Amino acid sequence: MTKGNTTSANTGNINAEDRERASKFLLWLGIISMIMIFAALTSAIIVRKSDSNWYTFEIPVEFTISTLVLLVSSISMILAVFFTRKSQKGAATLFLFITLALGSSFAWLQFEGWKQLVKNNIYFVDNLTGNISGSFFYVITALHLLHLFGGLLAVFVTTLRSAAGKYSPSNYLGLKLCAIFWHFLDGLWLYLFLFLQFSDQII
């Protein structure tokens, strides 16, 4: 009886490890695909900067604020994982909710930044001057925001599962995958923001 229980437990551990390995593989496969997309876009900016219809413009402060907000959200996500591993479900759920709120604030600030761009006569399609730099800026920020909406959905579901007590120190794969993706989105935006902000000085 003991031998059978031991074998069953070992099989369960192997299956859990295989499931985690497969889930992480699929997640990283998606992340690599996203990296390739944004690498292509930033490379296109480098190539197109030499065109005569490329104009520089000041990036609204809302995008700087949103960057800081997103970085803080990574800290709250780290704390959510930390408290889950410590079996403090209430604190973990609270920090997941904070992450969700900060991520939503980031999205709102992005929209506010776009509104400010329009006020500054920077449009997605500028028929008057033919400025293509604005088009690239809108495409890159919108594409990142689209992926961030997917991250927000994942954080929302993870928050609900945490509140329902679905995670424990030995079983929090969903939270772990969500955290990896969220940190990636944060790091990706930091790279994009710095590139868009300082590319004129380095290219």
Protein backbone atom coordinates (compact mmCIF):
# COMPACT_ATOMS: atom_id res chain seq x y z
CA MET A 1 0.00 0.00 0.00
CA THR A 2 2.80 2.39 0.88
CA LYS A 3 4.69 1.48 -2.26
CA GLY A 4 1.62 2.13 -4.39
CA ASN A 5 1.02 5.52 -2.76
CA THR A 6 4.68 6.46 -3.28
CA THR A 7 4.54 5.48 -6.95
CA SER A 8 1.33 7.48 -7.41
CA ALA A 9 2.84 10.55 -5.74
CA ASN A 10 5.97 10.33 -7.88
CA THR A 11 3.85 10.02 -11.02
CA GLY A 12 1.85 13.07 -9.95
CA ASN A 13 5.03 15.08 -9.42
CA ILE A 14 6.36 14.06 -12.84
CA ASN A 15 3.10 15.05 -14.52
CA ALA A 16 3.12 18.41 -12.74
CA GLU A 17 6.71 19.03 -13.79
CA ASP A 18 5.93 18.10 -17.39
CA ARG A 19 2.90 20.39 -17.39
CA GLU A 20 4.94 23.28 -16.02
CA ARG A 21 7.72 22.68 -18.52
CA ALA A 22 5.27 22.55 -21.44
CA SER A 23 3.41 25.66 -20.25
CA LYS A 24 6.62 27.66 -19.88
CA PHE A 25 7.80 26.50 -23.32
CA LEU A 26 4.60 27.75 -24.97
CA LEU A 27 4.79 31.03 -23.06
CA TRP A 28 8.39 31.67 -24.07
CA LEU A 29 7.58 30.73 -27.65
CA GLY A 30 4.94 33.47 -27.67
CA ILE A 31 7.33 35.92 -26.01
CA ILE A 32 10.03 35.24 -28.61
CA SER A 33 7.49 35.87 -31.38
CA MET A 34 6.60 39.21 -29.81
CA ILE A 35 10.27 40.14 -29.50
CA MET A 36 10.75 39.48 -33.21
CA ILE A 37 7.78 41.69 -34.12
CA PHE A 38 8.98 44.66 -32.08
CA ALA A 39 12.60 44.14 -33.18
CA ALA A 40 11.39 44.42 -36.77
CA LEU A 41 9.48 47.61 -36.00
CA THR A 42 12.36 49.31 -34.22
CA SER A 43 14.71 48.25 -37.02
CA ALA A 44 12.31 49.82 -39.51
CA ILE A 45 12.51 53.09 -37.57
CA ILE A 46 16.30 53.05 -37.81
CA VAL A 47 16.05 52.56 -41.59
CA ARG A 48 13.31 55.17 -42.14
CA LYS A 49 14.89 57.91 -40.03
CA SER A 50 16.95 58.96 -43.04
CA ASP A 51 13.82 59.77 -45.06
CA SER A 52 12.96 63.39 -45.72
CA ASN A 53 9.47 63.02 -44.25
CA TRP A 54 10.74 61.94 -40.83
CA TYR A 55 10.18 64.65 -38.22
CA THR A 56 11.13 64.49 -34.55
CA PHE A 57 8.61 65.49 -31.92
CA GLU A 58 8.46 65.68 -28.15
CA ILE A 59 6.92 62.64 -26.47
CA PRO A 60 4.16 63.73 -24.06
CA VAL A 61 4.90 63.40 -20.35
CA GLU A 62 2.01 60.94 -19.97
CA PHE A 63 4.20 58.26 -21.53
CA THR A 64 6.93 58.88 -18.96
CA ILE A 65 4.44 58.65 -16.11
CA SER A 66 2.94 55.48 -17.57
CA THR A 67 6.42 53.93 -17.70
CA LEU A 68 6.93 54.56 -13.99
CA VAL A 69 3.47 53.15 -13.23
CA LEU A 70 4.22 49.96 -15.15
CA LEU A 71 7.55 49.51 -13.39
CA VAL A 72 5.82 49.80 -10.01
CA SER A 73 3.30 47.17 -11.17
CA SER A 74 6.18 44.73 -11.60
CA ILE A 75 7.08 45.26 -7.96
CA SER A 76 3.52 44.54 -6.86
CA MET A 77 3.53 41.38 -8.99
CA ILE A 78 6.77 40.24 -7.34
CA LEU A 79 5.14 40.78 -3.95
CA ALA A 80 2.07 38.80 -5.04
CA VAL A 81 4.26 35.82 -5.88
CA PHE A 82 6.25 36.28 -2.66
CA PHE A 83 3.16 36.22 -0.43
CA THR A 84 1.71 33.25 -2.32
CA ARG A 85 4.87 31.29 -1.55
CA LYS A 86 4.45 32.34 2.09
CA SER A 87 0.82 31.09 2.15
CA GLN A 88 -0.44 34.63 2.78
CA LYS A 89 -3.32 34.49 0.31
CA GLY A 90 -4.93 37.74 1.40
CA ALA A 91 -1.76 39.77 0.84
CA ALA A 92 -1.09 37.98 -2.46
CA THR A 93 -4.57 38.80 -3.74
CA LEU A 94 -4.21 42.42 -2.63
CA PHE A 95 -0.97 42.88 -4.58
CA LEU A 96 -2.47 41.18 -7.62
CA PHE A 97 -5.33 43.67 -7.45
CA ILE A 98 -2.81 46.51 -7.16
CA THR A 99 -1.01 45.14 -10.23
CA LEU A 100 -4.32 45.10 -12.10
CA ALA A 101 -5.09 48.68 -11.06
CA LEU A 102 -1.62 49.91 -12.05
CA GLY A 103 -1.82 48.13 -15.40
CA SER A 104 -5.21 49.73 -16.07
CA SER A 105 -3.74 53.11 -15.12
CA PHE A 106 -0.95 52.52 -17.64
CA ALA A 107 -3.51 51.90 -20.38
CA TRP A 108 -5.42 55.08 -19.46
CA LEU A 109 -2.21 57.13 -19.50
CA GLN A 110 -1.38 55.79 -22.94
CA PHE A 111 -4.72 57.04 -24.26
CA GLU A 112 -4.10 60.39 -22.59
CA GLY A 113 -0.70 60.52 -24.25
CA TRP A 114 -2.25 59.89 -27.65
CA LYS A 115 -4.75 62.68 -27.04
CA GLN A 116 -1.88 65.02 -26.26
CA LEU A 117 -0.12 63.99 -29.46
CA VAL A 118 -3.22 64.92 -31.45
CA LYS A 119 -3.31 68.30 -29.68
CA ASN A 120 0.31 68.74 -30.78
CA ASN A 121 -0.70 67.95 -34.40
CA ILE A 122 0.99 64.54 -34.43
CA TYR A 123 -1.38 62.18 -36.25
CA PHE A 124 -1.38 58.54 -37.24
CA VAL A 125 -1.73 59.66 -40.84
CA ASP A 126 -0.48 63.18 -41.55
CA ASN A 127 -1.70 64.13 -45.01
CA LEU A 128 -0.36 67.68 -44.65
CA THR A 129 3.32 67.04 -43.98
CA GLY A 130 3.53 63.31 -44.69
CA ASN A 131 5.22 62.81 -41.30
CA ILE A 132 5.81 59.07 -40.87
CA SER A 133 7.48 59.26 -37.44
CA GLY A 134 4.09 59.79 -35.81
CA SER A 135 2.71 56.74 -37.62
CA PHE A 136 5.49 54.52 -36.27
CA PHE A 137 4.98 55.88 -32.76
CA TYR A 138 1.25 55.12 -32.80
CA VAL A 139 1.75 51.64 -34.26
CA ILE A 140 4.41 50.60 -31.74
CA THR A 141 2.61 51.97 -28.67
CA ALA A 142 -0.76 50.61 -29.79
CA LEU A 143 0.66 47.17 -30.52
CA HIS A 144 2.27 47.01 -27.10
CA LEU A 145 -0.98 48.17 -25.49
CA LEU A 146 -2.86 45.43 -27.34
CA HIS A 147 -0.56 42.81 -25.84
CA LEU A 148 -0.89 44.51 -22.45
CA PHE A 149 -4.66 44.05 -22.60
CA GLY A 150 -3.95 40.32 -22.86
CA GLY A 151 -1.71 40.66 -19.80
CA LEU A 152 -4.45 42.52 -17.92
CA LEU A 153 -6.90 39.72 -18.70
CA ALA A 154 -4.40 37.19 -17.37
CA VAL A 155 -3.87 39.25 -14.19
CA PHE A 156 -7.65 39.58 -13.73
CA VAL A 157 -8.19 35.81 -13.97
CA THR A 158 -5.19 35.17 -11.71
CA THR A 159 -6.55 37.62 -9.14
CA LEU A 160 -9.89 35.81 -9.08
CA ARG A 161 -8.19 32.45 -8.68
CA SER A 162 -6.01 33.82 -5.88
CA ALA A 163 -9.06 35.23 -4.10
CA ALA A 164 -10.71 31.81 -4.41
CA GLY A 165 -7.70 30.17 -2.74
CA LYS A 166 -6.59 28.25 -5.83
CA TYR A 167 -2.88 28.87 -5.26
CA SER A 168 -0.54 27.46 -2.63
CA PRO A 169 3.23 27.40 -2.09
CA SER A 170 3.36 24.07 -3.92
CA ASN A 171 0.85 24.90 -6.64
CA TYR A 172 0.91 28.34 -8.23
CA LEU A 173 1.82 27.65 -11.85
CA GLY A 174 -0.86 29.99 -13.19
CA LEU A 175 0.46 32.87 -11.10
CA LYS A 176 4.05 32.06 -12.06
CA LEU A 177 3.24 32.15 -15.79
CA CYS A 178 1.24 35.34 -15.38
CA ALA A 179 4.14 36.98 -13.56
CA ILE A 180 6.64 35.99 -16.27
CA PHE A 181 4.43 37.47 -18.98
CA TRP A 182 3.74 40.63 -16.99
CA HIS A 183 7.43 41.26 -16.30
CA PHE A 184 8.14 40.70 -19.98
CA LEU A 185 5.53 43.30 -20.97
CA ASP A 186 7.10 45.75 -18.50
CA GLY A 187 10.61 45.13 -19.81
CA LEU A 188 9.42 45.37 -23.40
CA TRP A 189 7.76 48.71 -22.79
CA LEU A 190 10.83 50.06 -21.00
CA TYR A 191 12.93 49.15 -24.03
CA LEU A 192 10.42 50.69 -26.46
CA PHE A 193 10.06 53.86 -24.42
CA LEU A 194 13.81 54.40 -24.11
CA PHE A 195 14.27 53.66 -27.81
CA LEU A 196 11.54 56.11 -28.86
CA GLN A 197 12.75 58.73 -26.39
CA PHE A 198 16.46 58.63 -27.17
CA SER A 199 16.78 57.12 -30.64
CA ASP A 200 17.54 60.54 -32.15
CA GLN A 201 20.66 60.81 -29.96
CA ILE A 202 21.95 57.30 -30.68
CA ILE A 203 21.07 56.85 -34.35
